[in-house]
C-alpha atoms as a PDB file:
ATOM      1  CA  UNK A   1     -25.867 -13.002   4.810  1.00  0.00           C
ATOM      2  CA  UNK A   2     -28.999 -10.916   5.295  1.00  0.00           C
ATOM      3  CA  UNK A   3     -30.263  -8.754   2.438  1.00  0.00           C
ATOM      4  CA  UNK A   4     -32.710  -6.009   3.258  1.00  0.00           C
ATOM      5  CA  UNK A   5     -34.471  -3.474   1.105  1.00  0.00           C
ATOM      6  CA  UNK A   6     -34.364  -5.369  -2.193  1.00  0.00           C
ATOM      7  CA  UNK A   7     -37.602  -3.777  -3.374  1.00  0.00           C
ATOM      8  CA  UNK A   8     -39.025  -7.222  -4.053  1.00  0.00           C
ATOM      9  CA  UNK A   9     -42.317  -8.386  -2.560  1.00  0.00           C
ATOM     10  CA  UNK A  10     -41.993 -10.955   0.221  1.00  0.00           C
ATOM     11  CA  UNK A  11     -42.037 -14.572  -0.865  1.00  0.00           C
ATOM     12  CA  UNK A  12     -44.914 -16.184   1.009  1.00  0.00           C
ATOM     13  CA  UNK A  13     -45.427 -19.706  -0.231  1.00  0.00           C
ATOM     14  CA  UNK A  14     -46.499 -21.350  -3.483  1.00  0.00           C
ATOM     15  CA  UNK A  15     -48.324 -19.280  -6.045  1.00  0.00           C
ATOM     16  CA  UNK A  16     -47.775 -16.984  -9.007  1.00  0.00           C
ATOM     17  CA  UNK A  17     -46.652 -14.009  -6.879  1.00  0.00           C
ATOM     18  CA  UNK A  18     -44.002 -16.032  -5.053  1.00  0.00           C
ATOM     19  CA  UNK A  19     -42.841 -17.664  -8.316  1.00  0.00           C
ATOM     20  CA  UNK A  20     -42.502 -14.244  -9.930  1.00  0.00           C
ATOM     21  CA  UNK A  21     -40.584 -12.926  -6.928  1.00  0.00           C
ATOM     22  CA  UNK A  22     -38.344 -15.994  -6.961  1.00  0.00           C
ATOM     23  CA  UNK A  23     -37.657 -15.403 -10.663  1.00  0.00           C
ATOM     24  CA  UNK A  24     -36.717 -11.764 -10.031  1.00  0.00           C
ATOM     25  CA  UNK A  25     -34.431 -12.785  -7.186  1.00  0.00           C
ATOM     26  CA  UNK A  26     -32.746 -15.419  -9.377  1.00  0.00           C
ATOM     27  CA  UNK A  27     -32.191 -12.898 -12.187  1.00  0.00           C
ATOM     28  CA  UNK A  28     -30.744 -10.395  -9.708  1.00  0.00           C
ATOM     29  CA  UNK A  29     -28.405 -13.002  -8.203  1.00  0.00           C
ATOM     30  CA  UNK A  30     -27.366 -14.294 -11.641  1.00  0.00           C
ATOM     31  CA  UNK A  31     -26.317 -10.740 -12.527  1.00  0.00           C
ATOM     32  CA  UNK A  32     -23.762 -10.666  -9.694  1.00  0.00           C
ATOM     33  CA  UNK A  33     -20.195 -11.722 -10.393  1.00  0.00           C
ATOM     34  CA  UNK A  34     -20.011 -13.789  -7.234  1.00  0.00           C
ATOM     35  CA  UNK A  35     -16.689 -12.305  -6.141  1.00  0.00           C
ATOM     36  CA  UNK A  36     -16.009  -9.269  -4.038  1.00  0.00           C
ATOM     37  CA  UNK A  37     -13.314  -6.944  -5.204  1.00  0.00           C
ATOM     38  CA  UNK A  38     -11.590  -3.682  -4.554  1.00  0.00           C
ATOM     39  CA  UNK A  39     -10.345  -1.218  -7.110  1.00  0.00           C
ATOM     40  CA  UNK A  40      -8.164   1.695  -6.041  1.00  0.00           C
ATOM     41  CA  UNK A  41      -8.377   4.917  -7.968  1.00  0.00           C
ATOM     42  CA  UNK A  42      -5.313   6.675  -9.277  1.00  0.00           C
ATOM     43  CA  UNK A  43      -5.815   9.314  -6.575  1.00  0.00           C
ATOM     44  CA  UNK A  44      -5.787   6.664  -3.838  1.00  0.00           C
ATOM     45  CA  UNK A  45      -2.590   5.160  -5.224  1.00  0.00           C
ATOM     46  CA  UNK A  46      -0.973   8.618  -5.394  1.00  0.00           C
ATOM     47  CA  UNK A  47      -1.986   9.368  -1.800  1.00  0.00           C
ATOM     48  CA  UNK A  48      -0.466   6.063  -0.686  1.00  0.00           C
ATOM     49  CA  UNK A  49       2.802   7.042  -2.388  1.00  0.00           C
ATOM     50  CA  UNK A  50       2.715  10.475  -0.731  1.00  0.00           C
ATOM     51  CA  UNK A  51       2.257   8.834   2.655  1.00  0.00           C
ATOM     52  CA  UNK A  52       5.476   6.886   2.092  1.00  0.00           C
ATOM     53  CA  UNK A  53       7.331  10.032   1.069  1.00  0.00           C
ATOM     54  CA  UNK A  54       6.016  11.865   4.122  1.00  0.00           C
ATOM     55  CA  UNK A  55       7.609   9.313   6.489  1.00  0.00           C
ATOM     56  CA  UNK A  56      10.996   9.867   4.889  1.00  0.00           C
ATOM     57  CA  UNK A  57      10.640  13.647   5.069  1.00  0.00           C
ATOM     58  CA  UNK A  58       9.758  13.563   8.779  1.00  0.00           C
ATOM     59  CA  UNK A  59      12.889  11.546   9.453  1.00  0.00           C
ATOM     60  CA  UNK A  60      14.951  14.048   7.466  1.00  0.00           C
ATOM     61  CA  UNK A  61      13.467  17.013   9.344  1.00  0.00           C
ATOM     62  CA  UNK A  62      14.129  15.367  12.706  1.00  0.00           C
ATOM     63  CA  UNK A  63      17.736  14.693  11.727  1.00  0.00           C
ATOM     64  CA  UNK A  64      18.256  18.268  10.531  1.00  0.00           C
ATOM     65  CA  UNK A  65      16.720  19.712  13.698  1.00  0.00           C
ATOM     66  CA  UNK A  66      19.079  17.576  15.781  1.00  0.00           C
ATOM     67  CA  UNK A  67      22.070  18.803  13.735  1.00  0.00           C
ATOM     68  CA  UNK A  68      20.976  22.441  14.081  1.00  0.00           C
ATOM     69  CA  UNK A  69      20.465  22.104  17.846  1.00  0.00           C
ATOM     70  CA  UNK A  70      23.893  20.491  18.185  1.00  0.00           C
ATOM     71  CA  UNK A  71      25.471  23.311  16.145  1.00  0.00           C
ATOM     72  CA  UNK A  72      26.622  20.846  13.478  1.00  0.00           C
ATOM     73  CA  UNK A  73      24.402  21.807  10.548  1.00  0.00           C
ATOM     74  CA  UNK A  74      25.365  25.268   9.394  1.00  0.00           C
ATOM     75  CA  UNK A  75      28.781  25.749   7.834  1.00  0.00           C
ATOM     76  CA  UNK A  76      30.071  28.216   5.215  1.00  0.00           C
ATOM     77  CA  UNK A  77      29.393  25.947   2.226  1.00  0.00           C
ATOM     78  CA  UNK A  78      25.787  25.275   3.237  1.00  0.00           C
ATOM     79  CA  UNK A  79      25.184  28.933   3.999  1.00  0.00           C
ATOM     80  CA  UNK A  80      26.656  30.032   0.642  1.00  0.00           C
ATOM     81  CA  UNK A  81      24.566  27.456  -1.205  1.00  0.00           C
ATOM     82  CA  UNK A  82      21.375  28.565   0.576  1.00  0.00           C
ATOM     83  CA  UNK A  83      22.033  32.250  -0.179  1.00  0.00           C
ATOM     84  CA  UNK A  84      22.687  31.504  -3.869  1.00  0.00           C
ATOM     85  CA  UNK A  85      19.469  29.470  -4.141  1.00  0.00           C
ATOM     86  CA  UNK A  86      17.494  32.288  -2.498  1.00  0.00           C
ATOM     87  CA  UNK A  87      19.019  34.882  -4.826  1.00  0.00           C
ATOM     88  CA  UNK A  88      18.226  32.690  -7.809  1.00  0.00           C
ATOM     89  CA  UNK A  89      14.538  32.636  -6.819  1.00  0.00           C
ATOM     90  CA  UNK A  90      14.312  36.428  -6.641  1.00  0.00           C
END
């Protein structure tokens, strides 16, 4: 692993400056947990759920389009139900 841009002076051999830099590096490394992780936000989890729902809806739309094109979708009961729902929204 290569770390760049730490803001620490370069370590250049024995001496007080390199010992101080080594101490700062050790303190910085000690502050790390040592394990990578990933935490998903509630929004990300909700979007993942919506993506699953979307796949189901596309399948439903494709099936309905096929029924409409074949003349098998619309019957009197479905038409009556749709008209009543529309009137209820007005």
